[in-house]
Amino acid sequence: MEGRTHQSARITRWKTLLAFAIIYLVWGSTFLAIRVGVREVPPFLLAAMRFLVAGVVLYVWMVGRGERSPTGRQWMSASLLALLIFVFDYGLLFWAEKRVPSGIAAVMMATIPAFMALSEIVVLRTQKLTVRLATALLIGIGGVGLLVSRSLGSFNLGGTPIDRTGAAALIFGSVSWSVASVLSRKLPLPQSKVMSSGAQMFAGGVLLTLAAGALGEFRSFHPLAVSREAWFALLYLIVAGSIIGFTAYVWLLHHQSPTRVGTYAYVNPVVAVLVGYLLGGETLGLRAILGTLFVLVSVLVITTTRSKSLKIVSRRN
């Protein structure tokens, strides 16, 4: 009996390590996969294919397991969140990665906790602006400023500042995600996290397809001209990034503390920067290092600040 208990504990330990490796490494590497894909596939269309397929798979899987399909009200809520998360956040992320290196894009998207904290303070008034939070927010803003500025006073940062239009799109996406995080607490959604995410991904895929059509992306898309590398990047985003990654995330939420699972928020940008540098040929100068460091310190402080109401909805990387 004791031997079985010990063996079960070892299996659980290995599952835990594997699940953390997935949400750390796989989710961190999806930013480079996006950059590879948008070189040949229009950005909103690429995002549409990713989330439409992943959403259908998760939805069918949950229905097959006997989970109830969302009600009409829940589908409406899922569609609103899908607009904010998958069109305004992910759609703009895919679009921005045609202009911004993948690692830096991940760092910019890591500002989501900062905007969540601001909404807690200014809009919901459920969080007080303490010295700790104010300092963290200023550090995060400073990190973003370093990434887009040409110099710091008389000190030349070196390297090329990131495209400001792309940076603005990423910031807008982060704000949109923070708004979705607030709304998700009030909107009626399926109790099952997997069903809720599947419904939101499916709705997001449909909305992204409509957006791609409105932007004329279908006219510039020629499937036979797309390389195997780009198709593999899309497959990696669907299977590893969305389906396997989110399954591992949900499993961890049931076996580990939310605080420990939430560490992916500041591990993913580091992984993305390193993967972009090592595999994507992206530069890693003083500007990128300092900007990344500032943003991650800000995220670390904000996410470890204790609050009864602070809740950041996970990114479905």
C-alpha atoms as a PDB file:
ATOM      1  CA  MET A   1       0.000   0.000   0.000  1.00  0.00           C
ATOM      2  CA  GLU A   2       2.801   2.361   0.937  1.00  0.00           C
ATOM      3  CA  GLY A   3       4.637   1.492  -2.288  1.00  0.00           C
ATOM      4  CA  ARG A   4       1.576   2.376  -4.373  1.00  0.00           C
ATOM      5  CA  THR A   5       1.207   5.699  -2.556  1.00  0.00           C
ATOM      6  CA  HIS A   6       4.877   6.517  -3.191  1.00  0.00           C
ATOM      7  CA  GLN A   7       4.547   5.567  -6.873  1.00  0.00           C
ATOM      8  CA  SER A   8       1.397   7.700  -7.224  1.00  0.00           C
ATOM      9  CA  ALA A   9       3.205  10.654  -5.644  1.00  0.00           C
ATOM     10  CA  ARG A  10       6.097  10.244  -8.116  1.00  0.00           C
ATOM     11  CA  ILE A  11       3.692  10.157 -11.088  1.00  0.00           C
ATOM     12  CA  THR A  12       1.925  13.284  -9.837  1.00  0.00           C
ATOM     13  CA  ARG A  13       5.288  15.027  -9.359  1.00  0.00           C
ATOM     14  CA  TRP A  14       6.337  14.240 -12.928  1.00  0.00           C
ATOM     15  CA  LYS A  15       2.951  15.371 -14.272  1.00  0.00           C
ATOM     16  CA  THR A  16       3.355  18.622 -12.356  1.00  0.00           C
ATOM     17  CA  LEU A  17       6.844  19.225 -13.733  1.00  0.00           C
ATOM     18  CA  LEU A  18       5.660  18.437 -17.262  1.00  0.00           C
ATOM     19  CA  ALA A  19       2.646  20.730 -16.968  1.00  0.00           C
ATOM     20  CA  PHE A  20       4.810  23.615 -15.701  1.00  0.00           C
ATOM     21  CA  ALA A  21       7.308  22.984 -18.507  1.00  0.00           C
ATOM     22  CA  ILE A  22       4.442  23.256 -21.001  1.00  0.00           C
ATOM     23  CA  ILE A  23       2.991  26.541 -19.730  1.00  0.00           C
ATOM     24  CA  TYR A  24       6.499  28.000 -19.281  1.00  0.00           C
ATOM     25  CA  LEU A  25       8.264  26.847 -22.454  1.00  0.00           C
ATOM     26  CA  VAL A  26       5.455  26.174 -24.925  1.00  0.00           C
ATOM     27  CA  TRP A  27       3.472  29.301 -24.111  1.00  0.00           C
ATOM     28  CA  GLY A  28       6.690  31.331 -24.133  1.00  0.00           C
ATOM     29  CA  SER A  29       7.659  29.972 -27.547  1.00  0.00           C
ATOM     30  CA  THR A  30       4.283  30.693 -29.178  1.00  0.00           C
ATOM     31  CA  PHE A  31       5.302  34.319 -29.723  1.00  0.00           C
ATOM     32  CA  LEU A  32       8.047  33.240 -32.144  1.00  0.00           C
ATOM     33  CA  ALA A  33       5.634  30.833 -33.842  1.00  0.00           C
ATOM     34  CA  ILE A  34       3.261  33.770 -34.396  1.00  0.00           C
ATOM     35  CA  ARG A  35       6.064  35.824 -35.953  1.00  0.00           C
ATOM     36  CA  VAL A  36       6.975  32.941 -38.268  1.00  0.00           C
ATOM     37  CA  GLY A  37       3.350  32.518 -39.321  1.00  0.00           C
ATOM     38  CA  VAL A  38       2.536  36.179 -40.027  1.00  0.00           C
ATOM     39  CA  ARG A  39       5.463  36.444 -42.435  1.00  0.00           C
ATOM     40  CA  GLU A  40       3.360  34.537 -44.980  1.00  0.00           C
ATOM     41  CA  VAL A  41      -0.227  34.444 -43.678  1.00  0.00           C
ATOM     42  CA  PRO A  42      -2.283  37.617 -43.026  1.00  0.00           C
ATOM     43  CA  PRO A  43      -2.325  38.190 -39.246  1.00  0.00           C
ATOM     44  CA  PHE A  44      -6.062  38.225 -38.469  1.00  0.00           C
ATOM     45  CA  LEU A  45      -6.626  35.224 -40.726  1.00  0.00           C
ATOM     46  CA  LEU A  46      -3.805  33.302 -39.042  1.00  0.00           C
ATOM     47  CA  ALA A  47      -5.295  34.087 -35.625  1.00  0.00           C
ATOM     48  CA  ALA A  48      -8.745  33.061 -36.899  1.00  0.00           C
ATOM     49  CA  MET A  49      -7.492  29.651 -38.065  1.00  0.00           C
ATOM     50  CA  ARG A  50      -5.689  29.063 -34.782  1.00  0.00           C
ATOM     51  CA  PHE A  51      -8.545  29.819 -32.435  1.00  0.00           C
ATOM     52  CA  LEU A  52     -11.385  28.510 -34.593  1.00  0.00           C
ATOM     53  CA  VAL A  53      -9.814  25.060 -34.792  1.00  0.00           C
ATOM     54  CA  ALA A  54      -8.726  25.033 -31.134  1.00  0.00           C
ATOM     55  CA  GLY A  55     -12.154  26.243 -30.011  1.00  0.00           C
ATOM     56  CA  VAL A  56     -13.992  23.573 -31.986  1.00  0.00           C
ATOM     57  CA  VAL A  57     -11.720  20.833 -30.604  1.00  0.00           C
ATOM     58  CA  LEU A  58     -12.188  21.940 -26.984  1.00  0.00           C
ATOM     59  CA  TYR A  59     -15.947  22.412 -27.407  1.00  0.00           C
ATOM     60  CA  VAL A  60     -16.501  19.004 -29.065  1.00  0.00           C
ATOM     61  CA  TRP A  61     -14.261  17.339 -26.481  1.00  0.00           C
ATOM     62  CA  MET A  62     -16.262  18.744 -23.576  1.00  0.00           C
ATOM     63  CA  VAL A  63     -19.644  17.927 -25.165  1.00  0.00           C
ATOM     64  CA  GLY A  64     -18.375  14.402 -25.795  1.00  0.00           C
ATOM     65  CA  ARG A  65     -17.567  14.116 -22.094  1.00  0.00           C
ATOM     66  CA  GLY A  66     -21.135  15.023 -21.199  1.00  0.00           C
ATOM     67  CA  GLU A  67     -20.618  18.712 -20.435  1.00  0.00           C
ATOM     68  CA  ARG A  68     -23.643  20.920 -21.045  1.00  0.00           C
ATOM     69  CA  SER A  69     -23.428  23.298 -23.991  1.00  0.00           C
ATOM     70  CA  PRO A  70     -23.514  27.014 -23.075  1.00  0.00           C
ATOM     71  CA  THR A  71     -26.915  28.694 -22.884  1.00  0.00           C
ATOM     72  CA  GLY A  72     -27.888  31.579 -25.146  1.00  0.00           C
ATOM     73  CA  ARG A  73     -26.897  34.141 -22.500  1.00  0.00           C
ATOM     74  CA  GLN A  74     -23.588  32.365 -21.947  1.00  0.00           C
ATOM     75  CA  TRP A  75     -22.861  32.384 -25.692  1.00  0.00           C
ATOM     76  CA  MET A  76     -23.513  36.137 -25.744  1.00  0.00           C
ATOM     77  CA  SER A  77     -21.117  36.634 -22.836  1.00  0.00           C
ATOM     78  CA  ALA A  78     -18.512  34.412 -24.481  1.00  0.00           C
ATOM     79  CA  SER A  79     -18.851  36.402 -27.707  1.00  0.00           C
ATOM     80  CA  LEU A  80     -18.321  39.736 -25.929  1.00  0.00           C
ATOM     81  CA  LEU A  81     -15.234  38.421 -24.176  1.00  0.00           C
ATOM     82  CA  ALA A  82     -14.050  36.892 -27.453  1.00  0.00           C
ATOM     83  CA  LEU A  83     -14.247  40.319 -29.109  1.00  0.00           C
ATOM     84  CA  LEU A  84     -12.092  41.867 -26.380  1.00  0.00           C
ATOM     85  CA  ILE A  85      -9.656  38.968 -25.988  1.00  0.00           C
ATOM     86  CA  PHE A  86      -9.269  37.334 -29.375  1.00  0.00           C
ATOM     87  CA  VAL A  87      -9.968  40.201 -31.787  1.00  0.00           C
ATOM     88  CA  PHE A  88      -8.637  43.240 -29.911  1.00  0.00           C
ATOM     89  CA  ASP A  89      -5.905  41.447 -27.946  1.00  0.00           C
ATOM     90  CA  TYR A  90      -4.719  38.475 -29.987  1.00  0.00           C
ATOM     91  CA  GLY A  91      -5.673  39.957 -33.343  1.00  0.00           C
ATOM     92  CA  LEU A  92      -3.571  43.029 -32.624  1.00  0.00           C
ATOM     93  CA  LEU A  93      -0.768  40.845 -31.207  1.00  0.00           C
ATOM     94  CA  PHE A  94      -0.592  38.875 -34.472  1.00  0.00           C
ATOM     95  CA  TRP A  95      -0.747  42.131 -36.459  1.00  0.00           C
ATOM     96  CA  ALA A  96       1.927  43.810 -34.307  1.00  0.00           C
ATOM     97  CA  GLU A  97       4.354  40.926 -34.709  1.00  0.00           C
ATOM     98  CA  LYS A  98       4.811  41.962 -38.323  1.00  0.00           C
ATOM     99  CA  ARG A  99       6.421  45.105 -36.877  1.00  0.00           C
ATOM    100  CA  VAL A 100       7.751  44.136 -33.425  1.00  0.00           C
ATOM    101  CA  PRO A 101      10.164  41.289 -32.480  1.00  0.00           C
ATOM    102  CA  SER A 102       8.384  38.337 -30.870  1.00  0.00           C
ATOM    103  CA  GLY A 103      10.278  38.557 -27.574  1.00  0.00           C
ATOM    104  CA  ILE A 104       9.524  42.251 -27.143  1.00  0.00           C
ATOM    105  CA  ALA A 105       5.885  41.639 -28.078  1.00  0.00           C
ATOM    106  CA  ALA A 106       5.697  39.145 -25.201  1.00  0.00           C
ATOM    107  CA  VAL A 107       7.205  41.705 -22.843  1.00  0.00           C
ATOM    108  CA  MET A 108       4.706  44.355 -23.922  1.00  0.00           C
ATOM    109  CA  MET A 109       1.801  41.949 -23.393  1.00  0.00           C
ATOM    110  CA  ALA A 110       3.147  41.213 -19.909  1.00  0.00           C
ATOM    111  CA  THR A 111       1.857  44.659 -18.901  1.00  0.00           C
ATOM    112  CA  ILE A 112      -1.654  43.188 -18.545  1.00  0.00           C
ATOM    113  CA  PRO A 113      -1.344  42.870 -14.721  1.00  0.00           C
ATOM    114  CA  ALA A 114      -0.447  46.579 -14.564  1.00  0.00           C
ATOM    115  CA  PHE A 115      -3.628  47.560 -16.396  1.00  0.00           C
ATOM    116  CA  MET A 116      -5.610  45.141 -14.236  1.00  0.00           C
ATOM    117  CA  ALA A 117      -4.214  46.827 -11.129  1.00  0.00           C
ATOM    118  CA  LEU A 118      -5.121  50.255 -12.536  1.00  0.00           C
ATOM    119  CA  SER A 119      -8.683  49.113 -13.200  1.00  0.00           C
ATOM    120  CA  GLU A 120      -8.882  47.800  -9.631  1.00  0.00           C
ATOM    121  CA  ILE A 121      -7.743  51.188  -8.330  1.00  0.00           C
ATOM    122  CA  VAL A 122      -9.484  53.653 -10.656  1.00  0.00           C
ATOM    123  CA  VAL A 123     -12.615  51.901 -11.951  1.00  0.00           C
ATOM    124  CA  LEU A 124     -13.632  49.256  -9.417  1.00  0.00           C
ATOM    125  CA  ARG A 125     -12.070  51.021  -6.411  1.00  0.00           C
ATOM    126  CA  THR A 126     -11.412  47.637  -4.806  1.00  0.00           C
ATOM    127  CA  GLN A 127      -7.668  48.158  -4.570  1.00  0.00           C
ATOM    128  CA  LYS A 128      -5.800  50.973  -2.839  1.00  0.00           C
ATOM    129  CA  LEU A 129      -2.875  52.706  -4.476  1.00  0.00           C
ATOM    130  CA  THR A 130      -0.147  51.780  -2.026  1.00  0.00           C
ATOM    131  CA  VAL A 131       3.473  52.861  -2.320  1.00  0.00           C
ATOM    132  CA  ARG A 132       4.332  49.297  -3.371  1.00  0.00           C
ATOM    133  CA  LEU A 133       1.790  49.276  -6.208  1.00  0.00           C
ATOM    134  CA  ALA A 134       2.599  52.813  -7.334  1.00  0.00           C
ATOM    135  CA  THR A 135       6.294  51.941  -7.531  1.00  0.00           C
ATOM    136  CA  ALA A 136       5.552  48.760  -9.484  1.00  0.00           C
ATOM    137  CA  LEU A 137       3.345  50.621 -11.960  1.00  0.00           C
ATOM    138  CA  LEU A 138       5.986  53.309 -12.500  1.00  0.00           C
ATOM    139  CA  ILE A 139       8.656  50.662 -13.072  1.00  0.00           C
ATOM    140  CA  GLY A 140       6.436  48.938 -15.644  1.00  0.00           C
ATOM    141  CA  ILE A 141       5.735  52.208 -17.452  1.00  0.00           C
ATOM    142  CA  GLY A 142       9.454  52.949 -17.387  1.00  0.00           C
ATOM    143  CA  GLY A 143      10.166  49.563 -18.988  1.00  0.00           C
ATOM    144  CA  VAL A 144       7.762  50.248 -21.836  1.00  0.00           C
ATOM    145  CA  GLY A 145       9.268  53.718 -22.224  1.00  0.00           C
ATOM    146  CA  LEU A 146      12.744  52.204 -22.563  1.00  0.00           C
ATOM    147  CA  LEU A 147      11.564  49.880 -25.321  1.00  0.00           C
ATOM    148  CA  VAL A 148      10.063  52.648 -27.454  1.00  0.00           C
ATOM    149  CA  SER A 149      12.380  55.598 -26.671  1.00  0.00           C
ATOM    150  CA  ARG A 150      15.398  56.527 -28.742  1.00  0.00           C
ATOM    151  CA  SER A 151      17.528  57.503 -25.786  1.00  0.00           C
ATOM    152  CA  LEU A 152      17.420  58.032 -22.047  1.00  0.00           C
ATOM    153  CA  GLY A 153      18.423  61.645 -21.569  1.00  0.00           C
ATOM    154  CA  SER A 154      22.025  61.944 -22.686  1.00  0.00           C
ATOM    155  CA  PHE A 155      22.471  58.161 -22.363  1.00  0.00           C
ATOM    156  CA  ASN A 156      22.214  56.333 -25.680  1.00  0.00           C
ATOM    157  CA  LEU A 157      20.446  53.004 -25.224  1.00  0.00           C
ATOM    158  CA  GLY A 158      21.756  51.625 -28.483  1.00  0.00           C
ATOM    159  CA  GLY A 159      19.837  49.453 -30.905  1.00  0.00           C
ATOM    160  CA  THR A 160      16.635  50.392 -32.674  1.00  0.00           C
ATOM    161  CA  PRO A 161      13.545  51.348 -30.660  1.00  0.00           C
ATOM    162  CA  ILE A 162      10.538  49.195 -31.431  1.00  0.00           C
ATOM    163  CA  ASP A 163       7.912  50.366 -33.902  1.00  0.00           C
ATOM    164  CA  ARG A 164       5.608  52.750 -32.042  1.00  0.00           C
ATOM    165  CA  THR A 165       2.506  51.802 -34.004  1.00  0.00           C
ATOM    166  CA  GLY A 166       3.110  48.162 -33.165  1.00  0.00           C
ATOM    167  CA  ALA A 167       3.783  49.077 -29.535  1.00  0.00           C
ATOM    168  CA  ALA A 168       0.537  51.077 -29.370  1.00  0.00           C
ATOM    169  CA  ALA A 169      -1.394  48.088 -30.765  1.00  0.00           C
ATOM    170  CA  LEU A 170       0.108  45.820 -28.100  1.00  0.00           C
ATOM    171  CA  ILE A 171      -0.750  48.259 -25.313  1.00  0.00           C
ATOM    172  CA  PHE A 172      -4.311  48.565 -26.621  1.00  0.00           C
ATOM    173  CA  GLY A 173      -4.527  44.770 -26.642  1.00  0.00           C
ATOM    174  CA  SER A 174      -3.329  44.607 -23.040  1.00  0.00           C
ATOM    175  CA  VAL A 175      -5.944  47.163 -21.979  1.00  0.00           C
ATOM    176  CA  SER A 176      -8.635  45.194 -23.820  1.00  0.00           C
ATOM    177  CA  TRP A 177      -7.613  42.034 -21.976  1.00  0.00           C
ATOM    178  CA  SER A 178      -7.800  43.813 -18.620  1.00  0.00           C
ATOM    179  CA  VAL A 179     -11.335  45.014 -19.446  1.00  0.00           C
ATOM    180  CA  ALA A 180     -12.281  41.430 -20.322  1.00  0.00           C
ATOM    181  CA  SER A 181     -10.867  40.281 -16.980  1.00  0.00           C
ATOM    182  CA  VAL A 182     -13.180  42.697 -15.148  1.00  0.00           C
ATOM    183  CA  LEU A 183     -16.229  41.747 -17.213  1.00  0.00           C
ATOM    184  CA  SER A 184     -15.622  38.022 -16.822  1.00  0.00           C
ATOM    185  CA  ARG A 185     -16.509  38.319 -13.122  1.00  0.00           C
ATOM    186  CA  LYS A 186     -19.934  39.739 -13.889  1.00  0.00           C
ATOM    187  CA  LEU A 187     -21.005  37.912 -17.064  1.00  0.00           C
ATOM    188  CA  PRO A 188     -22.786  34.525 -17.044  1.00  0.00           C
ATOM    189  CA  LEU A 189     -20.328  31.882 -18.296  1.00  0.00           C
ATOM    190  CA  PRO A 190     -20.193  28.061 -18.220  1.00  0.00           C
ATOM    191  CA  GLN A 191     -18.932  26.719 -14.914  1.00  0.00           C
ATOM    192  CA  SER A 192     -16.404  24.483 -16.653  1.00  0.00           C
ATOM    193  CA  LYS A 193     -13.212  26.424 -17.433  1.00  0.00           C
ATOM    194  CA  VAL A 194     -12.514  24.262 -20.487  1.00  0.00           C
ATOM    195  CA  MET A 195     -16.028  24.672 -21.910  1.00  0.00           C
ATOM    196  CA  SER A 196     -15.931  28.412 -21.235  1.00  0.00           C
ATOM    197  CA  SER A 197     -12.563  28.771 -22.965  1.00  0.00           C
ATOM    198  CA  GLY A 198     -13.643  26.527 -25.844  1.00  0.00           C
ATOM    199  CA  ALA A 199     -16.750  28.658 -26.406  1.00  0.00           C
ATOM    200  CA  GLN A 200     -14.727  31.886 -26.239  1.00  0.00           C
ATOM    201  CA  MET A 201     -12.070  30.520 -28.618  1.00  0.00           C
ATOM    202  CA  PHE A 202     -14.728  29.363 -31.082  1.00  0.00           C
ATOM    203  CA  ALA A 203     -16.540  32.712 -30.946  1.00  0.00           C
ATOM    204  CA  GLY A 204     -13.181  34.483 -31.229  1.00  0.00           C
ATOM    205  CA  GLY A 205     -12.284  32.413 -34.287  1.00  0.00           C
ATOM    206  CA  VAL A 206     -15.571  33.366 -35.976  1.00  0.00           C
ATOM    207  CA  LEU A 207     -15.119  37.070 -35.161  1.00  0.00           C
ATOM    208  CA  LEU A 208     -11.489  37.007 -36.329  1.00  0.00           C
ATOM    209  CA  THR A 209     -12.613  35.406 -39.607  1.00  0.00           C
ATOM    210  CA  LEU A 210     -15.119  38.239 -40.109  1.00  0.00           C
ATOM    211  CA  ALA A 211     -12.407  40.785 -39.269  1.00  0.00           C
ATOM    212  CA  ALA A 212     -10.007  39.164 -41.743  1.00  0.00           C
ATOM    213  CA  GLY A 213     -12.702  39.331 -44.426  1.00  0.00           C
ATOM    214  CA  ALA A 214     -13.470  42.976 -43.674  1.00  0.00           C
ATOM    215  CA  LEU A 215      -9.760  43.823 -43.931  1.00  0.00           C
ATOM    216  CA  GLY A 216      -9.468  42.045 -47.282  1.00  0.00           C
ATOM    217  CA  GLU A 217      -7.013  39.447 -45.992  1.00  0.00           C
ATOM    218  CA  PHE A 218      -8.595  36.598 -47.971  1.00  0.00           C
ATOM    219  CA  ARG A 219      -7.615  38.317 -51.222  1.00  0.00           C
ATOM    220  CA  SER A 220      -3.930  38.298 -50.265  1.00  0.00           C
ATOM    221  CA  PHE A 221      -3.965  34.731 -48.933  1.00  0.00           C
ATOM    222  CA  HIS A 222      -2.770  31.977 -51.268  1.00  0.00           C
ATOM    223  CA  PRO A 223      -2.550  28.653 -49.385  1.00  0.00           C
ATOM    224  CA  LEU A 224      -0.356  26.940 -51.991  1.00  0.00           C
ATOM    225  CA  ALA A 225       2.234  29.716 -51.676  1.00  0.00           C
ATOM    226  CA  VAL A 226       2.570  29.274 -47.908  1.00  0.00           C
ATOM    227  CA  SER A 227       5.689  27.362 -46.853  1.00  0.00           C
ATOM    228  CA  ARG A 228       5.725  24.259 -44.672  1.00  0.00           C
ATOM    229  CA  GLU A 229       7.444  26.324 -41.978  1.00  0.00           C
ATOM    230  CA  ALA A 230       4.464  28.669 -41.713  1.00  0.00           C
ATOM    231  CA  TRP A 231       1.957  25.785 -41.693  1.00  0.00           C
ATOM    232  CA  PHE A 232       3.971  24.068 -38.980  1.00  0.00           C
ATOM    233  CA  ALA A 233       3.933  27.297 -36.948  1.00  0.00           C
ATOM    234  CA  LEU A 234       0.123  27.356 -37.212  1.00  0.00           C
ATOM    235  CA  LEU A 235      -0.114  23.679 -36.222  1.00  0.00           C
ATOM    236  CA  TYR A 236       2.169  24.361 -33.259  1.00  0.00           C
ATOM    237  CA  LEU A 237      -0.016  27.286 -32.153  1.00  0.00           C
ATOM    238  CA  ILE A 238      -3.194  25.200 -32.377  1.00  0.00           C
ATOM    239  CA  VAL A 239      -2.031  21.927 -30.835  1.00  0.00           C
ATOM    240  CA  ALA A 240       0.795  22.873 -28.472  1.00  0.00           C
ATOM    241  CA  GLY A 241      -0.099  26.463 -27.670  1.00  0.00           C
ATOM    242  CA  SER A 242      -3.879  26.298 -27.357  1.00  0.00           C
ATOM    243  CA  ILE A 243      -5.036  22.692 -26.793  1.00  0.00           C
ATOM    244  CA  ILE A 244      -2.142  21.091 -24.887  1.00  0.00           C
ATOM    245  CA  GLY A 245      -1.094  24.327 -23.194  1.00  0.00           C
ATOM    246  CA  PHE A 246      -4.518  25.158 -21.864  1.00  0.00           C
ATOM    247  CA  THR A 247      -5.154  21.555 -20.761  1.00  0.00           C
ATOM    248  CA  ALA A 248      -1.924  21.646 -18.762  1.00  0.00           C
ATOM    249  CA  TYR A 249      -2.927  25.005 -17.273  1.00  0.00           C
ATOM    250  CA  VAL A 250      -6.341  23.750 -16.136  1.00  0.00           C
ATOM    251  CA  TRP A 251      -4.774  20.588 -14.669  1.00  0.00           C
ATOM    252  CA  LEU A 252      -2.303  22.699 -12.691  1.00  0.00           C
ATOM    253  CA  LEU A 253      -5.083  24.888 -11.297  1.00  0.00           C
ATOM    254  CA  HIS A 254      -6.578  21.756  -9.728  1.00  0.00           C
ATOM    255  CA  HIS A 255      -3.281  20.532  -8.268  1.00  0.00           C
ATOM    256  CA  GLN A 256      -1.256  23.646  -7.431  1.00  0.00           C
ATOM    257  CA  SER A 257      -1.916  27.020  -5.828  1.00  0.00           C
ATOM    258  CA  PRO A 258      -3.055  29.807  -8.206  1.00  0.00           C
ATOM    259  CA  THR A 259      -0.068  31.900  -7.107  1.00  0.00           C
ATOM    260  CA  ARG A 260       2.388  29.218  -8.188  1.00  0.00           C
ATOM    261  CA  VAL A 261       0.578  28.581 -11.469  1.00  0.00           C
ATOM    262  CA  GLY A 262       0.466  32.330 -12.116  1.00  0.00           C
ATOM    263  CA  THR A 263       4.263  32.461 -12.282  1.00  0.00           C
ATOM    264  CA  TYR A 264       3.934  31.826 -16.019  1.00  0.00           C
ATOM    265  CA  ALA A 265       3.053  35.528 -16.334  1.00  0.00           C
ATOM    266  CA  TYR A 266       6.663  36.551 -15.768  1.00  0.00           C
ATOM    267  CA  VAL A 267       8.391  33.407 -17.043  1.00  0.00           C
ATOM    268  CA  ASN A 268       6.796  33.487 -20.514  1.00  0.00           C
ATOM    269  CA  PRO A 269       8.328  36.864 -21.532  1.00  0.00           C
ATOM    270  CA  VAL A 270      11.811  35.673 -20.524  1.00  0.00           C
ATOM    271  CA  VAL A 271      11.366  32.474 -22.519  1.00  0.00           C
ATOM    272  CA  ALA A 272       9.989  34.436 -25.483  1.00  0.00           C
ATOM    273  CA  VAL A 273      12.950  36.851 -25.489  1.00  0.00           C
ATOM    274  CA  LEU A 274      15.467  33.986 -25.300  1.00  0.00           C
ATOM    275  CA  VAL A 275      13.704  31.881 -27.948  1.00  0.00           C
ATOM    276  CA  GLY A 276      13.469  34.895 -30.238  1.00  0.00           C
ATOM    277  CA  TYR A 277      17.178  35.575 -29.762  1.00  0.00           C
ATOM    278  CA  LEU A 278      18.407  31.977 -30.048  1.00  0.00           C
ATOM    279  CA  LEU A 279      16.064  30.623 -32.720  1.00  0.00           C
ATOM    280  CA  GLY A 280      14.576  33.690 -34.398  1.00  0.00           C
ATOM    281  CA  GLY A 281      17.703  35.778 -34.880  1.00  0.00           C
ATOM    282  CA  GLU A 282      16.224  38.704 -32.922  1.00  0.00           C
ATOM    283  CA  THR A 283      18.598  41.205 -31.353  1.00  0.00           C
ATOM    284  CA  LEU A 284      19.097  41.298 -27.612  1.00  0.00           C
ATOM    285  CA  GLY A 285      20.708  44.640 -26.801  1.00  0.00           C
ATOM    286  CA  LEU A 286      20.835  46.783 -23.685  1.00  0.00           C
ATOM    287  CA  ARG A 287      17.470  48.378 -24.530  1.00  0.00           C
ATOM    288  CA  ALA A 288      15.686  45.007 -24.703  1.00  0.00           C
ATOM    289  CA  ILE A 289      17.380  43.707 -21.541  1.00  0.00           C
ATOM    290  CA  LEU A 290      16.603  46.775 -19.422  1.00  0.00           C
ATOM    291  CA  GLY A 291      13.052  47.148 -20.746  1.00  0.00           C
ATOM    292  CA  THR A 292      12.327  43.466 -20.129  1.00  0.00           C
ATOM    293  CA  LEU A 293      13.811  43.614 -16.640  1.00  0.00           C
ATOM    294  CA  PHE A 294      11.736  46.660 -15.677  1.00  0.00           C
ATOM    295  CA  VAL A 295       8.473  45.168 -16.953  1.00  0.00           C
ATOM    296  CA  LEU A 296       9.089  41.808 -15.264  1.00  0.00           C
ATOM    297  CA  VAL A 297       9.910  43.419 -11.920  1.00  0.00           C
ATOM    298  CA  SER A 298       6.669  45.370 -12.220  1.00  0.00           C
ATOM    299  CA  VAL A 299       4.671  42.212 -13.039  1.00  0.00           C
ATOM    300  CA  LEU A 300       6.296  40.282 -10.192  1.00  0.00           C
ATOM    301  CA  VAL A 301       5.450  42.947  -7.620  1.00  0.00           C
ATOM    302  CA  ILE A 302       1.891  43.450  -8.867  1.00  0.00           C
ATOM    303  CA  THR A 303       1.017  39.752  -9.091  1.00  0.00           C
ATOM    304  CA  THR A 304       2.394  39.058  -5.616  1.00  0.00           C
ATOM    305  CA  THR A 305       0.502  41.953  -4.038  1.00  0.00           C
ATOM    306  CA  ARG A 306      -2.236  40.458  -1.923  1.00  0.00           C
ATOM    307  CA  SER A 307      -5.748  41.572  -2.837  1.00  0.00           C
ATOM    308  CA  LYS A 308      -9.135  40.046  -2.164  1.00  0.00           C
ATOM    309  CA  SER A 309     -10.447  40.978  -5.566  1.00  0.00           C
ATOM    310  CA  LEU A 310      -7.433  41.035  -7.870  1.00  0.00           C
ATOM    311  CA  LYS A 311      -7.977  38.311 -10.425  1.00  0.00           C
ATOM    312  CA  ILE A 312      -6.266  38.197 -13.792  1.00  0.00           C
ATOM    313  CA  VAL A 313      -7.870  36.005 -16.416  1.00  0.00           C
ATOM    314  CA  SER A 314      -5.296  33.685 -17.932  1.00  0.00           C
ATOM    315  CA  ARG A 315      -4.105  34.211 -21.478  1.00  0.00           C
ATOM    316  CA  ARG A 316      -5.021  31.293 -23.703  1.00  0.00           C
ATOM    317  CA  ASN A 317      -1.559  31.186 -25.231  1.00  0.00           C
END
